[in-house]
PDB file of N, CA and C in Angstrom:
ATOM      1  N   UNK A   1      46.232  21.620   4.565  1.00  0.00           N
ATOM      2  CA  UNK A   1      46.822  20.813   3.533  1.00  0.00           C
ATOM      3  C   UNK A   1      46.256  19.400   3.645  1.00  0.00           C
ATOM      4  N   UNK A   2      45.996  18.808   2.529  1.00  0.00           N
ATOM      5  CA  UNK A   2      45.477  17.447   2.512  1.00  0.00           C
ATOM      6  C   UNK A   2      46.395  16.574   1.666  1.00  0.00           C
ATOM      7  N   UNK A   3      46.701  15.403   2.200  1.00  0.00           N
ATOM      8  CA  UNK A   3      47.528  14.433   1.489  1.00  0.00           C
ATOM      9  C   UNK A   3      46.789  13.110   1.508  1.00  0.00           C
ATOM     10  N   UNK A   4      46.633  12.510   0.372  1.00  0.00           N
ATOM     11  CA  UNK A   4      45.974  11.208   0.287  1.00  0.00           C
ATOM     12  C   UNK A   4      47.034  10.118   0.211  1.00  0.00           C
ATOM     13  N   UNK A   5      46.949   9.175   1.146  1.00  0.00           N
ATOM     14  CA  UNK A   5      47.921   8.089   1.216  1.00  0.00           C
ATOM     15  C   UNK A   5      47.206   6.754   1.249  1.00  0.00           C
ATOM     16  N   UNK A   6      47.865   5.747   0.703  1.00  0.00           N
ATOM     17  CA  UNK A   6      47.335   4.394   0.812  1.00  0.00           C
ATOM     18  C   UNK A   6      47.670   3.853   2.194  1.00  0.00           C
ATOM     19  N   UNK A   7      47.040   2.751   2.573  1.00  0.00           N
ATOM     20  CA  UNK A   7      47.335   2.119   3.866  1.00  0.00           C
ATOM     21  C   UNK A   7      48.807   1.730   3.955  1.00  0.00           C
ATOM     22  N   UNK A   8      49.357   1.206   2.864  1.00  0.00           N
ATOM     23  CA  UNK A   8      50.770   0.820   2.863  1.00  0.00           C
ATOM     24  C   UNK A   8      51.681   2.025   3.050  1.00  0.00           C
ATOM     25  N   UNK A   9      51.334   3.131   2.445  1.00  0.00           N
ATOM     26  CA  UNK A   9      52.129   4.348   2.604  1.00  0.00           C
ATOM     27  C   UNK A   9      52.073   4.855   4.041  1.00  0.00           C
ATOM     28  N   UNK A  10      50.911   4.812   4.644  1.00  0.00           N
ATOM     29  CA  UNK A  10      50.767   5.241   6.042  1.00  0.00           C
ATOM     30  C   UNK A  10      51.592   4.337   6.951  1.00  0.00           C
ATOM     31  N   UNK A  11      51.512   3.034   6.729  1.00  0.00           N
ATOM     32  CA  UNK A  11      52.285   2.091   7.544  1.00  0.00           C
ATOM     33  C   UNK A  11      53.780   2.357   7.424  1.00  0.00           C
ATOM     34  N   UNK A  12      54.238   2.573   6.198  1.00  0.00           N
ATOM     35  CA  UNK A  12      55.658   2.837   5.985  1.00  0.00           C
ATOM     36  C   UNK A  12      56.076   4.143   6.646  1.00  0.00           C
ATOM     37  N   UNK A  13      55.298   5.174   6.468  1.00  0.00           N
ATOM     38  CA  UNK A  13      55.615   6.460   7.099  1.00  0.00           C
ATOM     39  C   UNK A  13      55.655   6.349   8.616  1.00  0.00           C
ATOM     40  N   UNK A  14      54.676   5.648   9.180  1.00  0.00           N
ATOM     41  CA  UNK A  14      54.646   5.483  10.635  1.00  0.00           C
ATOM     42  C   UNK A  14      55.906   4.755  11.111  1.00  0.00           C
ATOM     43  N   UNK A  15      56.296   3.710  10.413  1.00  0.00           N
ATOM     44  CA  UNK A  15      57.508   2.965  10.780  1.00  0.00           C
ATOM     45  C   UNK A  15      58.741   3.856  10.716  1.00  0.00           C
ATOM     46  N   UNK A  16      58.822   4.656   9.675  1.00  0.00           N
ATOM     47  CA  UNK A  16      59.970   5.553   9.525  1.00  0.00           C
ATOM     48  C   UNK A  16      59.998   6.606  10.625  1.00  0.00           C
ATOM     49  N   UNK A  17      58.848   7.158  10.949  1.00  0.00           N
ATOM     50  CA  UNK A  17      58.768   8.172  12.004  1.00  0.00           C
ATOM     51  C   UNK A  17      59.143   7.557  13.348  1.00  0.00           C
ATOM     52  N   UNK A  18      58.639   6.368  13.639  1.00  0.00           N
ATOM     53  CA  UNK A  18      58.962   5.713  14.910  1.00  0.00           C
ATOM     54  C   UNK A  18      60.448   5.401  15.008  1.00  0.00           C
ATOM     55  N   UNK A  19      61.057   4.987  13.909  1.00  0.00           N
ATOM     56  CA  UNK A  19      62.502   4.728  13.889  1.00  0.00           C
ATOM     57  C   UNK A  19      63.265   6.022  14.161  1.00  0.00           C
ATOM     58  N   UNK A  20      62.853   7.100  13.514  1.00  0.00           N
ATOM     59  CA  UNK A  20      63.517   8.386  13.728  1.00  0.00           C
ATOM     60  C   UNK A  20      63.368   8.865  15.167  1.00  0.00           C
ATOM     61  N   UNK A  21      62.216   8.641  15.774  1.00  0.00           N
ATOM     62  CA  UNK A  21      62.013   9.027  17.174  1.00  0.00           C
ATOM     63  C   UNK A  21      62.968   8.249  18.072  1.00  0.00           C
ATOM     64  N   UNK A  22      63.068   6.936  17.857  1.00  0.00           N
ATOM     65  CA  UNK A  22      63.992   6.125  18.669  1.00  0.00           C
ATOM     66  C   UNK A  22      65.428   6.619  18.529  1.00  0.00           C
ATOM     67  N   UNK A  23      65.840   6.916  17.304  1.00  0.00           N
ATOM     68  CA  UNK A  23      67.203   7.400  17.077  1.00  0.00           C
ATOM     69  C   UNK A  23      67.424   8.763  17.734  1.00  0.00           C
ATOM     70  N   UNK A  24      66.420   9.627  17.662  1.00  0.00           N
ATOM     71  CA  UNK A  24      66.534  10.941  18.300  1.00  0.00           C
ATOM     72  C   UNK A  24      66.668  10.814  19.811  1.00  0.00           C
ATOM     73  N   UNK A  25      65.911   9.906  20.407  1.00  0.00           N
ATOM     74  CA  UNK A  25      65.992   9.722  21.860  1.00  0.00           C
ATOM     75  C   UNK A  25      67.399   9.299  22.274  1.00  0.00           C
ATOM     76  N   UNK A  26      68.028   8.434  21.490  1.00  0.00           N
ATOM     77  CA  UNK A  26      69.409   8.037  21.779  1.00  0.00           C
ATOM     78  C   UNK A  26      70.355   9.224  21.627  1.00  0.00           C
ATOM     79  N   UNK A  27      70.147   9.998  20.583  1.00  0.00           N
ATOM     80  CA  UNK A  27      70.983  11.165  20.347  1.00  0.00           C
ATOM     81  C   UNK A  27      70.806  12.200  21.454  1.00  0.00           C
ATOM     82  N   UNK A  28      69.578  12.384  21.915  1.00  0.00           N
ATOM     83  CA  UNK A  28      69.310  13.330  23.007  1.00  0.00           C
ATOM     84  C   UNK A  28      70.045  12.890  24.267  1.00  0.00           C
ATOM     85  N   UNK A  29      70.008  11.596  24.545  1.00  0.00           N
ATOM     86  CA  UNK A  29      70.667  11.075  25.745  1.00  0.00           C
ATOM     87  C   UNK A  29      72.176  11.293  25.701  1.00  0.00           C
ATOM     88  N   UNK A  30      72.752  11.289  24.517  1.00  0.00           N
ATOM     89  CA  UNK A  30      74.202  11.441  24.371  1.00  0.00           C
ATOM     90  C   UNK A  30      74.640  12.894  24.226  1.00  0.00           C
ATOM     91  N   UNK A  31      73.711  13.791  23.955  1.00  0.00           N
ATOM     92  CA  UNK A  31      74.058  15.187  23.664  1.00  0.00           C
ATOM     93  C   UNK A  31      74.647  15.871  24.895  1.00  0.00           C
ATOM     94  N   UNK A  32      75.750  16.567  24.674  1.00  0.00           N
ATOM     95  CA  UNK A  32      76.433  17.260  25.763  1.00  0.00           C
ATOM     96  C   UNK A  32      75.956  18.698  25.949  1.00  0.00           C
ATOM     97  N   UNK A  33      75.553  19.329  24.876  1.00  0.00           N
ATOM     98  CA  UNK A  33      75.189  20.740  24.931  1.00  0.00           C
ATOM     99  C   UNK A  33      73.678  20.912  25.026  1.00  0.00           C
ATOM    100  N   UNK A  34      73.280  21.765  25.943  1.00  0.00           N
ATOM    101  CA  UNK A  34      71.857  21.997  26.195  1.00  0.00           C
ATOM    102  C   UNK A  34      71.125  22.487  24.950  1.00  0.00           C
ATOM    103  N   UNK A  35      71.740  23.411  24.220  1.00  0.00           N
ATOM    104  CA  UNK A  35      71.088  23.962  23.027  1.00  0.00           C
ATOM    105  C   UNK A  35      70.835  22.873  21.990  1.00  0.00           C
ATOM    106  N   UNK A  36      71.819  22.001  21.823  1.00  0.00           N
ATOM    107  CA  UNK A  36      71.674  20.911  20.863  1.00  0.00           C
ATOM    108  C   UNK A  36      70.562  19.958  21.298  1.00  0.00           C
ATOM    109  N   UNK A  37      70.517  19.639  22.602  1.00  0.00           N
ATOM    110  CA  UNK A  37      69.444  18.783  23.129  1.00  0.00           C
ATOM    111  C   UNK A  37      68.079  19.406  22.877  1.00  0.00           C
ATOM    112  N   UNK A  38      67.983  20.712  23.071  1.00  0.00           N
ATOM    113  CA  UNK A  38      66.710  21.404  22.844  1.00  0.00           C
ATOM    114  C   UNK A  38      66.288  21.326  21.376  1.00  0.00           C
ATOM    115  N   UNK A  39      67.244  21.463  20.463  1.00  0.00           N
ATOM    116  CA  UNK A  39      66.940  21.332  19.034  1.00  0.00           C
ATOM    117  C   UNK A  39      66.435  19.926  18.718  1.00  0.00           C
ATOM    118  N   UNK A  40      67.092  18.939  19.305  1.00  0.00           N
ATOM    119  CA  UNK A  40      66.684  17.554  19.073  1.00  0.00           C
ATOM    120  C   UNK A  40      65.299  17.288  19.654  1.00  0.00           C
ATOM    121  N   UNK A  41      65.027  17.833  20.824  1.00  0.00           N
ATOM    122  CA  UNK A  41      63.701  17.659  21.432  1.00  0.00           C
ATOM    123  C   UNK A  41      62.610  18.326  20.584  1.00  0.00           C
ATOM    124  N   UNK A  42      62.933  19.455  19.982  1.00  0.00           N
ATOM    125  CA  UNK A  42      61.963  20.117  19.103  1.00  0.00           C
ATOM    126  C   UNK A  42      61.645  19.222  17.905  1.00  0.00           C
ATOM    127  N   UNK A  43      62.670  18.593  17.350  1.00  0.00           N
ATOM    128  CA  UNK A  43      62.453  17.659  16.240  1.00  0.00           C
ATOM    129  C   UNK A  43      61.634  16.461  16.700  1.00  0.00           C
ATOM    130  N   UNK A  44      61.930  15.974  17.907  1.00  0.00           N
ATOM    131  CA  UNK A  44      61.169  14.850  18.450  1.00  0.00           C
ATOM    132  C   UNK A  44      59.690  15.221  18.583  1.00  0.00           C
ATOM    133  N   UNK A  45      59.417  16.420  19.063  1.00  0.00           N
ATOM    134  CA  UNK A  45      58.028  16.872  19.214  1.00  0.00           C
ATOM    135  C   UNK A  45      57.302  16.905  17.876  1.00  0.00           C
ATOM    136  N   UNK A  46      57.989  17.357  16.840  1.00  0.00           N
ATOM    137  CA  UNK A  46      57.381  17.379  15.505  1.00  0.00           C
ATOM    138  C   UNK A  46      57.092  15.960  15.036  1.00  0.00           C
ATOM    139  N   UNK A  47      58.047  15.063  15.232  1.00  0.00           N
ATOM    140  CA  UNK A  47      57.841  13.670  14.828  1.00  0.00           C
ATOM    141  C   UNK A  47      56.708  13.024  15.618  1.00  0.00           C
ATOM    142  N   UNK A  48      56.603  13.338  16.907  1.00  0.00           N
ATOM    143  CA  UNK A  48      55.503  12.806  17.721  1.00  0.00           C
ATOM    144  C   UNK A  48      54.158  13.292  17.184  1.00  0.00           C
ATOM    145  N   UNK A  49      54.112  14.546  16.770  1.00  0.00           N
ATOM    146  CA  UNK A  49      52.889  15.103  16.204  1.00  0.00           C
ATOM    147  C   UNK A  49      52.517  14.386  14.906  1.00  0.00           C
ATOM    148  N   UNK A  50      53.504  14.133  14.085  1.00  0.00           N
ATOM    149  CA  UNK A  50      53.258  13.407  12.834  1.00  0.00           C
ATOM    150  C   UNK A  50      52.758  12.003  13.129  1.00  0.00           C
ATOM    151  N   UNK A  51      53.395  11.346  14.111  1.00  0.00           N
ATOM    152  CA  UNK A  51      52.974   9.983  14.464  1.00  0.00           C
ATOM    153  C   UNK A  51      51.521   9.973  14.940  1.00  0.00           C
ATOM    154  N   UNK A  52      51.147  10.948  15.748  1.00  0.00           N
ATOM    155  CA  UNK A  52      49.758  11.037  16.223  1.00  0.00           C
ATOM    156  C   UNK A  52      48.790  11.209  15.063  1.00  0.00           C
ATOM    157  N   UNK A  53      49.143  12.057  14.112  1.00  0.00           N
ATOM    158  CA  UNK A  53      48.277  12.274  12.954  1.00  0.00           C
ATOM    159  C   UNK A  53      48.144  11.007  12.120  1.00  0.00           C
ATOM    160  N   UNK A  54      49.237  10.278  11.966  1.00  0.00           N
ATOM    161  CA  UNK A  54      49.174   9.021  11.219  1.00  0.00           C
ATOM    162  C   UNK A  54      48.311   8.004  11.954  1.00  0.00           C
ATOM    163  N   UNK A  55      48.361   8.019  13.281  1.00  0.00           N
ATOM    164  CA  UNK A  55      47.541   7.112  14.075  1.00  0.00           C
ATOM    165  C   UNK A  55      46.065   7.462  13.937  1.00  0.00           C
ATOM    166  N   UNK A  56      45.755   8.749  13.853  1.00  0.00           N
ATOM    167  CA  UNK A  56      44.365   9.183  13.714  1.00  0.00           C
ATOM    168  C   UNK A  56      43.741   8.715  12.406  1.00  0.00           C
ATOM    169  N   UNK A  57      44.584   8.464  11.433  1.00  0.00           N
ATOM    170  CA  UNK A  57      44.079   7.960  10.154  1.00  0.00           C
ATOM    171  C   UNK A  57      43.429   6.597  10.371  1.00  0.00           C
ATOM    172  N   UNK A  58      43.881   5.894  11.418  1.00  0.00           N
ATOM    173  CA  UNK A  58      43.230   4.646  11.796  1.00  0.00           C
ATOM    174  C   UNK A  58      43.814   3.398  11.191  1.00  0.00           C
ATOM    175  N   UNK A  59      44.976   3.508  10.616  1.00  0.00           N
ATOM    176  CA  UNK A  59      45.623   2.335  10.033  1.00  0.00           C
ATOM    177  C   UNK A  59      46.726   1.907  10.985  1.00  0.00           C
ATOM    178  N   UNK A  60      46.742   0.614  11.317  1.00  0.00           N
ATOM    179  CA  UNK A  60      47.793   0.152  12.223  1.00  0.00           C
ATOM    180  C   UNK A  60      48.642  -0.914  11.603  1.00  0.00           C
TER     181      UNK A  60
END
């Protein structure tokens, strides 16, 4: 799949993904149930992958 984004769109997406990662890390730290923590970590991994792809685009 290919998506064409402007530099501003990439910057905004990266900021949103980084914010979501920070919020997930707080939620993971507070989670009492192992299964729930695992679900949150899976989401974190997906967001980390997205962040890496946005970084590869080369816009900071």
